[in-house]
Amino acid sequence: MSEKSLQVPERFDFGYHKEFTEQYQNILGEAGVTDIALDFSRVSYLDSSALGMMVLFQKKAKSKNVNVRIRGAKASAREILTIANFDRLFEIS
């Protein structure tokens, strides 16, 4: 069992799309990775494009039997995730 962490920036929006996609594709390409934690400890803003990127990431990870969870979401970011029912797609801790 191997867990990797992916640091999410303070402002998680479409401007981060390319970098986010490259990072998770690299992690999903590594052998032995079973879990990925999205580190939300710095996130103070996320928009609908960020939510869409996360759904796409979750689907790709699931197809490779990799579990994705969200770690460290605070205040408004956690509230947005809850309102969007992301607690049903991801474990949020």
Protein backbone atom coordinates (compact mmCIF):
# COMPACT_ATOMS: atom_id res chain seq x y z
CA MET A 1 0.00 0.00 0.00
CA SER A 2 1.43 3.32 -1.04
CA GLU A 3 -0.12 6.73 -0.52
CA LYS A 4 0.87 9.82 -2.46
CA SER A 5 -0.13 13.38 -1.70
CA LEU A 6 -1.06 16.04 -4.23
CA GLN A 7 -0.80 19.63 -2.95
CA VAL A 8 -3.64 21.86 -4.14
CA PRO A 9 -2.95 25.62 -4.43
CA GLU A 10 -4.66 28.40 -2.49
CA ARG A 11 -6.73 29.31 -5.54
CA PHE A 12 -8.03 26.11 -7.14
CA ASP A 13 -9.65 27.10 -10.44
CA PHE A 14 -9.31 26.46 -14.18
CA GLY A 15 -5.93 28.23 -14.24
CA TYR A 16 -4.55 25.20 -12.37
CA HIS A 17 -6.08 22.65 -14.78
CA LYS A 18 -2.96 21.75 -16.76
CA GLU A 19 -0.70 21.39 -13.73
CA PHE A 20 -3.32 19.44 -11.75
CA THR A 21 -3.89 17.03 -14.63
CA GLU A 22 -0.16 16.47 -15.16
CA GLN A 23 0.42 15.86 -11.45
CA TYR A 24 -2.34 13.31 -11.01
CA GLN A 25 -1.50 11.52 -14.26
CA ASN A 26 2.11 11.15 -13.09
CA ILE A 27 0.97 9.75 -9.74
CA LEU A 28 -1.55 7.38 -11.37
CA GLY A 29 1.25 6.16 -13.66
CA GLU A 30 3.42 5.10 -10.73
CA ALA A 31 3.38 1.43 -9.78
CA GLY A 32 2.03 0.46 -6.38
CA VAL A 33 0.06 3.61 -5.60
CA THR A 34 -3.19 2.63 -3.86
CA ASP A 35 -4.23 5.93 -2.30
CA ILE A 36 -3.94 9.61 -3.19
CA ALA A 37 -4.63 12.40 -0.73
CA LEU A 38 -5.59 15.79 -2.13
CA ASP A 39 -4.00 18.19 0.34
CA PHE A 40 -6.50 21.05 0.70
CA SER A 41 -4.75 22.71 3.65
CA ARG A 42 -3.89 25.83 1.62
CA VAL A 43 -7.12 26.11 -0.41
CA SER A 44 -9.17 29.23 0.30
CA TYR A 45 -10.98 29.38 -3.07
CA LEU A 46 -12.32 26.78 -5.47
CA ASP A 47 -14.83 27.08 -8.28
CA SER A 48 -16.99 24.80 -10.40
CA SER A 49 -14.14 24.02 -12.79
CA ALA A 50 -12.09 22.74 -9.84
CA LEU A 51 -15.01 20.51 -8.83
CA GLY A 52 -15.21 19.19 -12.40
CA MET A 53 -11.47 18.47 -12.45
CA MET A 54 -11.83 16.55 -9.20
CA VAL A 55 -14.69 14.43 -10.56
CA LEU A 56 -12.65 13.56 -13.65
CA PHE A 57 -9.65 12.73 -11.47
CA GLN A 58 -11.81 10.53 -9.23
CA LYS A 59 -13.10 8.58 -12.27
CA LYS A 60 -9.58 8.02 -13.62
CA ALA A 61 -8.29 6.97 -10.20
CA LYS A 62 -11.21 4.60 -9.65
CA SER A 63 -10.54 2.93 -13.02
CA LYS A 64 -7.05 2.11 -11.70
CA ASN A 65 -8.37 0.99 -8.28
CA VAL A 66 -6.81 3.98 -6.55
CA ASN A 67 -8.67 5.58 -3.63
CA VAL A 68 -8.75 9.39 -3.51
CA ARG A 69 -9.44 11.37 -0.36
CA ILE A 70 -9.42 15.04 0.59
CA ARG A 71 -7.29 16.05 3.53
CA GLY A 72 -7.14 19.33 5.42
CA ALA A 73 -10.05 21.23 3.83
CA LYS A 74 -10.94 24.26 5.94
CA ALA A 75 -13.78 26.77 6.27
CA SER A 76 -15.20 27.89 2.91
CA ALA A 77 -13.46 25.17 0.88
CA ARG A 78 -14.91 22.45 3.11
CA GLU A 79 -18.34 24.10 2.96
CA ILE A 80 -18.27 24.16 -0.86
CA LEU A 81 -17.26 20.48 -0.95
CA THR A 82 -20.12 19.60 1.41
CA ILE A 83 -22.72 21.64 -0.51
CA ALA A 84 -21.59 19.94 -3.74
CA ASN A 85 -22.06 16.53 -2.02
CA PHE A 86 -18.40 15.67 -2.52
CA ASP A 87 -18.51 13.84 0.80
CA ARG A 88 -20.31 11.14 -1.20
CA LEU A 89 -17.49 10.88 -3.76
CA PHE A 90 -14.49 11.38 -1.49
CA GLU A 91 -13.52 10.67 2.07
CA ILE A 92 -12.97 14.12 3.59
CA SER A 93 -10.74 14.35 6.66
